Amino acid sequence: MNDEQSSNPLHGVTLSNVVERLVDYYGWEELGIRININCFKNDPSVKSSLKFLRRIPWARAEVENLYVSTFTHRGTSENV
């Protein structure tokens, strides 16, 4: 189990941190283009996005996949 967790790039990273880091990196407009969900397009906020993402598994998976592909594949896999 330790090996499984240590190889998981999302281990120890909260959903809030994922959203905040993506917003800092891409901005709301680009995030809404990359992941077509209304909480990123219409009056976006971290709070409303978290509420939506916690209820909708496919949307959360999209956000987590973007986080991993953005920050892990570019040599910046440190968890912030």
PDB file of N, CA and C in Angstrom:
ATOM      1  N   MET A   1       0.823  -1.194   0.000  1.00  0.00           N
ATOM      2  CA  MET A   1       0.000   0.000   0.000  1.00  0.00           C
ATOM      3  C   MET A   1       0.864   1.254   0.000  1.00  0.00           C
ATOM      4  N   ASN A   2       1.973   1.243   0.679  1.00  0.00           N
ATOM      5  CA  ASN A   2       2.869   2.397   0.682  1.00  0.00           C
ATOM      6  C   ASN A   2       3.379   2.727  -0.707  1.00  0.00           C
ATOM      7  N   ASP A   3       3.763   1.690  -1.475  1.00  0.00           N
ATOM      8  CA  ASP A   3       4.235   1.915  -2.837  1.00  0.00           C
ATOM      9  C   ASP A   3       3.132   2.495  -3.702  1.00  0.00           C
ATOM     10  N   GLU A   4       1.906   2.009  -3.481  1.00  0.00           N
ATOM     11  CA  GLU A   4       0.773   2.496  -4.258  1.00  0.00           C
ATOM     12  C   GLU A   4       0.539   3.987  -3.999  1.00  0.00           C
ATOM     13  N   GLN A   5       0.570   4.383  -2.733  1.00  0.00           N
ATOM     14  CA  GLN A   5       0.349   5.782  -2.385  1.00  0.00           C
ATOM     15  C   GLN A   5       1.503   6.670  -2.840  1.00  0.00           C
ATOM     16  N   SER A   6       2.727   6.183  -2.719  1.00  0.00           N
ATOM     17  CA  SER A   6       3.864   7.017  -3.102  1.00  0.00           C
ATOM     18  C   SER A   6       3.928   7.232  -4.612  1.00  0.00           C
ATOM     19  N   SER A   7       3.334   6.333  -5.373  1.00  0.00           N
ATOM     20  CA  SER A   7       3.335   6.502  -6.826  1.00  0.00           C
ATOM     21  C   SER A   7       2.124   7.286  -7.319  1.00  0.00           C
ATOM     22  N   ASN A   8       1.191   7.599  -6.422  1.00  0.00           N
ATOM     23  CA  ASN A   8       0.004   8.364  -6.777  1.00  0.00           C
ATOM     24  C   ASN A   8       0.341   9.857  -6.710  1.00  0.00           C
ATOM     25  N   PRO A   9       0.344  10.556  -7.850  1.00  0.00           N
ATOM     26  CA  PRO A   9       0.716  11.978  -7.837  1.00  0.00           C
ATOM     27  C   PRO A   9      -0.275  12.861  -7.084  1.00  0.00           C
ATOM     28  N   LEU A  10      -1.460  12.343  -6.790  1.00  0.00           N
ATOM     29  CA  LEU A  10      -2.456  13.121  -6.058  1.00  0.00           C
ATOM     30  C   LEU A  10      -2.440  12.826  -4.554  1.00  0.00           C
ATOM     31  N   HIS A  11      -1.585  11.904  -4.130  1.00  0.00           N
ATOM     32  CA  HIS A  11      -1.522  11.560  -2.707  1.00  0.00           C
ATOM     33  C   HIS A  11      -1.117  12.789  -1.889  1.00  0.00           C
ATOM     34  N   GLY A  12      -1.947  13.125  -0.921  1.00  0.00           N
ATOM     35  CA  GLY A  12      -1.658  14.257  -0.054  1.00  0.00           C
ATOM     36  C   GLY A  12      -2.059  15.607  -0.612  1.00  0.00           C
ATOM     37  N   VAL A  13      -2.641  15.630  -1.800  1.00  0.00           N
ATOM     38  CA  VAL A  13      -3.069  16.884  -2.422  1.00  0.00           C
ATOM     39  C   VAL A  13      -4.592  16.965  -2.319  1.00  0.00           C
ATOM     40  N   THR A  14      -5.087  18.020  -1.698  1.00  0.00           N
ATOM     41  CA  THR A  14      -6.529  18.166  -1.562  1.00  0.00           C
ATOM     42  C   THR A  14      -7.132  18.653  -2.877  1.00  0.00           C
ATOM     43  N   LEU A  15      -8.419  18.405  -3.032  1.00  0.00           N
ATOM     44  CA  LEU A  15      -9.115  18.890  -4.220  1.00  0.00           C
ATOM     45  C   LEU A  15      -9.042  20.413  -4.291  1.00  0.00           C
ATOM     46  N   SER A  16      -9.106  21.056  -3.166  1.00  0.00           N
ATOM     47  CA  SER A  16      -8.982  22.510  -3.120  1.00  0.00           C
ATOM     48  C   SER A  16      -7.632  22.961  -3.677  1.00  0.00           C
ATOM     49  N   ASN A  17      -6.558  22.278  -3.283  1.00  0.00           N
ATOM     50  CA  ASN A  17      -5.233  22.613  -3.799  1.00  0.00           C
ATOM     51  C   ASN A  17      -5.140  22.366  -5.299  1.00  0.00           C
ATOM     52  N   VAL A  18      -5.763  21.294  -5.763  1.00  0.00           N
ATOM     53  CA  VAL A  18      -5.765  20.985  -7.194  1.00  0.00           C
ATOM     54  C   VAL A  18      -6.417  22.124  -7.970  1.00  0.00           C
ATOM     55  N   VAL A  19      -7.602  22.535  -7.545  1.00  0.00           N
ATOM     56  CA  VAL A  19      -8.334  23.604  -8.246  1.00  0.00           C
ATOM     57  C   VAL A  19      -7.552  24.914  -8.173  1.00  0.00           C
ATOM     58  N   GLU A  20      -7.074  25.272  -7.003  1.00  0.00           N
ATOM     59  CA  GLU A  20      -6.346  26.533  -6.850  1.00  0.00           C
ATOM     60  C   GLU A  20      -5.086  26.567  -7.717  1.00  0.00           C
ATOM     61  N   ARG A  21      -4.372  25.471  -7.757  1.00  0.00           N
ATOM     62  CA  ARG A  21      -3.138  25.446  -8.554  1.00  0.00           C
ATOM     63  C   ARG A  21      -3.449  25.529 -10.047  1.00  0.00           C
ATOM     64  N   LEU A  22      -4.502  24.841 -10.478  1.00  0.00           N
ATOM     65  CA  LEU A  22      -4.890  24.919 -11.892  1.00  0.00           C
ATOM     66  C   LEU A  22      -5.345  26.329 -12.264  1.00  0.00           C
ATOM     67  N   VAL A  23      -6.081  26.967 -11.385  1.00  0.00           N
ATOM     68  CA  VAL A  23      -6.536  28.341 -11.641  1.00  0.00           C
ATOM     69  C   VAL A  23      -5.336  29.281 -11.702  1.00  0.00           C
ATOM     70  N   ASP A  24      -4.387  29.105 -10.801  1.00  0.00           N
ATOM     71  CA  ASP A  24      -3.174  29.942 -10.822  1.00  0.00           C
ATOM     72  C   ASP A  24      -2.401  29.748 -12.121  1.00  0.00           C
ATOM     73  N   TYR A  25      -2.357  28.525 -12.599  1.00  0.00           N
ATOM     74  CA  TYR A  25      -1.573  28.200 -13.785  1.00  0.00           C
ATOM     75  C   TYR A  25      -2.283  28.603 -15.078  1.00  0.00           C
ATOM     76  N   TYR A  26      -3.561  28.235 -15.209  1.00  0.00           N
ATOM     77  CA  TYR A  26      -4.302  28.464 -16.454  1.00  0.00           C
ATOM     78  C   TYR A  26      -5.207  29.695 -16.427  1.00  0.00           C
ATOM     79  N   GLY A  27      -5.745  30.029 -15.268  1.00  0.00           N
ATOM     80  CA  GLY A  27      -6.772  31.055 -15.178  1.00  0.00           C
ATOM     81  C   GLY A  27      -8.129  30.422 -15.445  1.00  0.00           C
ATOM     82  N   TRP A  28      -9.193  31.091 -15.018  1.00  0.00           N
ATOM     83  CA  TRP A  28     -10.542  30.533 -15.162  1.00  0.00           C
ATOM     84  C   TRP A  28     -10.940  30.348 -16.620  1.00  0.00           C
ATOM     85  N   GLU A  29     -10.624  31.324 -17.453  1.00  0.00           N
ATOM     86  CA  GLU A  29     -11.052  31.252 -18.854  1.00  0.00           C
ATOM     87  C   GLU A  29     -10.445  30.039 -19.562  1.00  0.00           C
ATOM     88  N   GLU A  30      -9.155  29.863 -19.448  1.00  0.00           N
ATOM     89  CA  GLU A  30      -8.487  28.723 -20.086  1.00  0.00           C
ATOM     90  C   GLU A  30      -8.932  27.403 -19.463  1.00  0.00           C
ATOM     91  N   LEU A  31      -9.156  27.395 -18.165  1.00  0.00           N
ATOM     92  CA  LEU A  31      -9.631  26.183 -17.502  1.00  0.00           C
ATOM     93  C   LEU A  31     -11.008  25.794 -18.032  1.00  0.00           C
ATOM     94  N   GLY A  32     -11.868  26.773 -18.255  1.00  0.00           N
ATOM     95  CA  GLY A  32     -13.188  26.519 -18.825  1.00  0.00           C
ATOM     96  C   GLY A  32     -13.130  26.021 -20.253  1.00  0.00           C
ATOM     97  N   ILE A  33     -12.103  26.394 -20.975  1.00  0.00           N
ATOM     98  CA  ILE A  33     -11.915  25.889 -22.340  1.00  0.00           C
ATOM     99  C   ILE A  33     -11.406  24.451 -22.293  1.00  0.00           C
ATOM    100  N   ARG A  34     -10.465  24.186 -21.426  1.00  0.00           N
ATOM    101  CA  ARG A  34      -9.873  22.844 -21.334  1.00  0.00           C
ATOM    102  C   ARG A  34     -10.846  21.819 -20.760  1.00  0.00           C
ATOM    103  N   ILE A  35     -11.649  22.237 -19.788  1.00  0.00           N
ATOM    104  CA  ILE A  35     -12.660  21.362 -19.183  1.00  0.00           C
ATOM    105  C   ILE A  35     -13.986  22.106 -19.257  1.00  0.00           C
ATOM    106  N   ASN A  36     -14.853  21.635 -20.112  1.00  0.00           N
ATOM    107  CA  ASN A  36     -16.100  22.335 -20.429  1.00  0.00           C
ATOM    108  C   ASN A  36     -17.169  22.072 -19.365  1.00  0.00           C
ATOM    109  N   ILE A  37     -17.028  22.777 -18.237  1.00  0.00           N
ATOM    110  CA  ILE A  37     -18.052  22.710 -17.203  1.00  0.00           C
ATOM    111  C   ILE A  37     -18.387  24.132 -16.771  1.00  0.00           C
ATOM    112  N   ASN A  38     -19.667  24.360 -16.492  1.00  0.00           N
ATOM    113  CA  ASN A  38     -20.152  25.706 -16.216  1.00  0.00           C
ATOM    114  C   ASN A  38     -19.515  26.348 -14.988  1.00  0.00           C
ATOM    115  N   CYS A  39     -19.138  25.558 -13.995  1.00  0.00           N
ATOM    116  CA  CYS A  39     -18.583  26.174 -12.784  1.00  0.00           C
ATOM    117  C   CYS A  39     -17.238  26.845 -13.057  1.00  0.00           C
ATOM    118  N   PHE A  40     -16.618  26.551 -14.202  1.00  0.00           N
ATOM    119  CA  PHE A  40     -15.390  27.236 -14.600  1.00  0.00           C
ATOM    120  C   PHE A  40     -15.672  28.400 -15.547  1.00  0.00           C
ATOM    121  N   LYS A  41     -16.874  28.477 -16.072  1.00  0.00           N
ATOM    122  CA  LYS A  41     -17.191  29.479 -17.091  1.00  0.00           C
ATOM    123  C   LYS A  41     -18.076  30.611 -16.596  1.00  0.00           C
ATOM    124  N   ASN A  42     -19.065  30.299 -15.791  1.00  0.00           N
ATOM    125  CA  ASN A  42     -20.049  31.292 -15.360  1.00  0.00           C
ATOM    126  C   ASN A  42     -19.842  31.661 -13.898  1.00  0.00           C
ATOM    127  N   ASP A  43     -19.339  32.864 -13.663  1.00  0.00           N
ATOM    128  CA  ASP A  43     -19.088  33.374 -12.315  1.00  0.00           C
ATOM    129  C   ASP A  43     -18.289  32.366 -11.487  1.00  0.00           C
ATOM    130  N   PRO A  44     -17.091  31.991 -11.954  1.00  0.00           N
ATOM    131  CA  PRO A  44     -16.325  30.931 -11.295  1.00  0.00           C
ATOM    132  C   PRO A  44     -15.757  31.348  -9.942  1.00  0.00           C
ATOM    133  N   SER A  45     -15.707  30.383  -9.057  1.00  0.00           N
ATOM    134  CA  SER A  45     -15.035  30.554  -7.774  1.00  0.00           C
ATOM    135  C   SER A  45     -14.556  29.183  -7.329  1.00  0.00           C
ATOM    136  N   VAL A  46     -13.579  29.178  -6.465  1.00  0.00           N
ATOM    137  CA  VAL A  46     -13.067  27.913  -5.951  1.00  0.00           C
ATOM    138  C   VAL A  46     -14.179  27.206  -5.178  1.00  0.00           C
ATOM    139  N   LYS A  47     -14.918  27.945  -4.366  1.00  0.00           N
ATOM    140  CA  LYS A  47     -15.973  27.351  -3.543  1.00  0.00           C
ATOM    141  C   LYS A  47     -17.039  26.669  -4.388  1.00  0.00           C
ATOM    142  N   SER A  48     -17.544  27.343  -5.414  1.00  0.00           N
ATOM    143  CA  SER A  48     -18.591  26.735  -6.255  1.00  0.00           C
ATOM    144  C   SER A  48     -18.036  25.560  -7.051  1.00  0.00           C
ATOM    145  N   SER A  49     -16.784  25.662  -7.469  1.00  0.00           N
ATOM    146  CA  SER A  49     -16.168  24.569  -8.216  1.00  0.00           C
ATOM    147  C   SER A  49     -16.014  23.335  -7.337  1.00  0.00           C
ATOM    148  N   LEU A  50     -15.576  23.524  -6.120  1.00  0.00           N
ATOM    149  CA  LEU A  50     -15.409  22.392  -5.210  1.00  0.00           C
ATOM    150  C   LEU A  50     -16.743  21.714  -4.922  1.00  0.00           C
ATOM    151  N   LYS A  51     -17.776  22.502  -4.731  1.00  0.00           N
ATOM    152  CA  LYS A  51     -19.107  21.944  -4.472  1.00  0.00           C
ATOM    153  C   LYS A  51     -19.544  21.066  -5.639  1.00  0.00           C
ATOM    154  N   PHE A  52     -19.357  21.545  -6.852  1.00  0.00           N
ATOM    155  CA  PHE A  52     -19.727  20.787  -8.043  1.00  0.00           C
ATOM    156  C   PHE A  52     -18.855  19.543  -8.200  1.00  0.00           C
ATOM    157  N   LEU A  53     -17.549  19.703  -8.097  1.00  0.00           N
ATOM    158  CA  LEU A  53     -16.625  18.594  -8.334  1.00  0.00           C
ATOM    159  C   LEU A  53     -16.778  17.473  -7.310  1.00  0.00           C
ATOM    160  N   ARG A  54     -17.180  17.802  -6.108  1.00  0.00           N
ATOM    161  CA  ARG A  54     -17.377  16.769  -5.085  1.00  0.00           C
ATOM    162  C   ARG A  54     -18.635  15.944  -5.358  1.00  0.00           C
ATOM    163  N   ARG A  55     -19.559  16.486  -6.128  1.00  0.00           N
ATOM    164  CA  ARG A  55     -20.804  15.765  -6.435  1.00  0.00           C
ATOM    165  C   ARG A  55     -20.768  15.029  -7.765  1.00  0.00           C
ATOM    166  N   ILE A  56     -19.903  15.435  -8.679  1.00  0.00           N
ATOM    167  CA  ILE A  56     -19.901  14.903 -10.040  1.00  0.00           C
ATOM    168  C   ILE A  56     -18.570  14.196 -10.314  1.00  0.00           C
ATOM    169  N   PRO A  57     -18.553  12.865 -10.204  1.00  0.00           N
ATOM    170  CA  PRO A  57     -17.293  12.117 -10.329  1.00  0.00           C
ATOM    171  C   PRO A  57     -16.560  12.298 -11.660  1.00  0.00           C
ATOM    172  N   TRP A  58     -17.274  12.365 -12.772  1.00  0.00           N
ATOM    173  CA  TRP A  58     -16.577  12.490 -14.064  1.00  0.00           C
ATOM    174  C   TRP A  58     -15.864  13.833 -14.172  1.00  0.00           C
ATOM    175  N   ALA A  59     -16.482  14.880 -13.623  1.00  0.00           N
ATOM    176  CA  ALA A  59     -15.863  16.209 -13.686  1.00  0.00           C
ATOM    177  C   ALA A  59     -14.623  16.260 -12.789  1.00  0.00           C
ATOM    178  N   ARG A  60     -14.731  15.653 -11.618  1.00  0.00           N
ATOM    179  CA  ARG A  60     -13.574  15.600 -10.722  1.00  0.00           C
ATOM    180  C   ARG A  60     -12.423  14.844 -11.382  1.00  0.00           C
ATOM    181  N   ALA A  61     -12.740  13.744 -12.047  1.00  0.00           N
ATOM    182  CA  ALA A  61     -11.712  12.963 -12.734  1.00  0.00           C
ATOM    183  C   ALA A  61     -11.034  13.796 -13.819  1.00  0.00           C
ATOM    184  N   GLU A  62     -11.808  14.578 -14.555  1.00  0.00           N
ATOM    185  CA  GLU A  62     -11.240  15.449 -15.590  1.00  0.00           C
ATOM    186  C   GLU A  62     -10.267  16.461 -14.983  1.00  0.00           C
ATOM    187  N   VAL A  63     -10.656  17.061 -13.883  1.00  0.00           N
ATOM    188  CA  VAL A  63      -9.815  18.058 -13.217  1.00  0.00           C
ATOM    189  C   VAL A  63      -8.544  17.401 -12.680  1.00  0.00           C
ATOM    190  N   GLU A  64      -8.691  16.256 -12.048  1.00  0.00           N
ATOM    191  CA  GLU A  64      -7.519  15.561 -11.516  1.00  0.00           C
ATOM    192  C   GLU A  64      -6.582  15.120 -12.640  1.00  0.00           C
ATOM    193  N   ASN A  65      -7.137  14.659 -13.753  1.00  0.00           N
ATOM    194  CA  ASN A  65      -6.304  14.259 -14.895  1.00  0.00           C
ATOM    195  C   ASN A  65      -5.548  15.450 -15.471  1.00  0.00           C
ATOM    196  N   LEU A  66      -6.208  16.599 -15.559  1.00  0.00           N
ATOM    197  CA  LEU A  66      -5.526  17.792 -16.055  1.00  0.00           C
ATOM    198  C   LEU A  66      -4.400  18.199 -15.107  1.00  0.00           C
ATOM    199  N   TYR A  67      -4.661  18.126 -13.824  1.00  0.00           N
ATOM    200  CA  TYR A  67      -3.638  18.446 -12.826  1.00  0.00           C
ATOM    201  C   TYR A  67      -2.415  17.544 -12.998  1.00  0.00           C
ATOM    202  N   VAL A  68      -2.654  16.247 -13.091  1.00  0.00           N
ATOM    203  CA  VAL A  68      -1.554  15.287 -13.213  1.00  0.00           C
ATOM    204  C   VAL A  68      -0.796  15.515 -14.515  1.00  0.00           C
ATOM    205  N   SER A  69      -1.527  15.687 -15.616  1.00  0.00           N
ATOM    206  CA  SER A  69      -0.844  15.867 -16.903  1.00  0.00           C
ATOM    207  C   SER A  69      -0.101  17.201 -16.970  1.00  0.00           C
ATOM    208  N   THR A  70      -0.609  18.208 -16.302  1.00  0.00           N
ATOM    209  CA  THR A  70       0.030  19.522 -16.323  1.00  0.00           C
ATOM    210  C   THR A  70       1.283  19.556 -15.464  1.00  0.00           C
ATOM    211  N   PHE A  71       1.187  19.041 -14.266  1.00  0.00           N
ATOM    212  CA  PHE A  71       2.274  19.226 -13.314  1.00  0.00           C
ATOM    213  C   PHE A  71       3.207  18.030 -13.169  1.00  0.00           C
ATOM    214  N   THR A  72       2.779  16.856 -13.562  1.00  0.00           N
ATOM    215  CA  THR A  72       3.643  15.693 -13.439  1.00  0.00           C
ATOM    216  C   THR A  72       4.478  15.482 -14.688  1.00  0.00           C
ATOM    217  N   HIS A  73       3.917  15.659 -15.845  1.00  0.00           N
ATOM    218  CA  HIS A  73       4.617  15.393 -17.088  1.00  0.00           C
ATOM    219  C   HIS A  73       5.575  16.500 -17.494  1.00  0.00           C
ATOM    220  N   ARG A  74       5.601  17.574 -16.742  1.00  0.00           N
ATOM    221  CA  ARG A  74       6.509  18.680 -17.059  1.00  0.00           C
ATOM    222  C   ARG A  74       7.650  18.767 -16.068  1.00  0.00           C
ATOM    223  N   GLY A  75       7.815  17.705 -15.285  1.00  0.00           N
ATOM    224  CA  GLY A  75       8.926  17.690 -14.340  1.00  0.00           C
ATOM    225  C   GLY A  75       8.680  18.494 -13.075  1.00  0.00           C
ATOM    226  N   THR A  76       7.435  18.842 -12.824  1.00  0.00           N
ATOM    227  CA  THR A  76       7.098  19.604 -11.630  1.00  0.00           C
ATOM    228  C   THR A  76       6.109  18.821 -10.781  1.00  0.00           C
ATOM    229  N   SER A  77       6.468  17.621 -10.422  1.00  0.00           N
ATOM    230  CA  SER A  77       5.534  16.735  -9.716  1.00  0.00           C
ATOM    231  C   SER A  77       5.456  17.000  -8.220  1.00  0.00           C
ATOM    232  N   GLU A  78       6.173  17.964  -7.708  1.00  0.00           N
ATOM    233  CA  GLU A  78       6.101  18.231  -6.279  1.00  0.00           C
ATOM    234  C   GLU A  78       4.695  18.673  -5.924  1.00  0.00           C
ATOM    235  N   ASN A  79       4.227  18.228  -4.795  1.00  0.00           N
ATOM    236  CA  ASN A  79       2.879  18.575  -4.345  1.00  0.00           C
ATOM    237  C   ASN A  79       2.935  19.884  -3.601  1.00  0.00           C
ATOM    238  N   VAL A  80       2.162  20.821  -4.073  1.00  0.00           N
ATOM    239  CA  VAL A  80       2.129  22.146  -3.451  1.00  0.00           C
ATOM    240  C   VAL A  80       0.804  22.331  -2.760  1.00  0.00           C
TER     241      VAL A  80
END
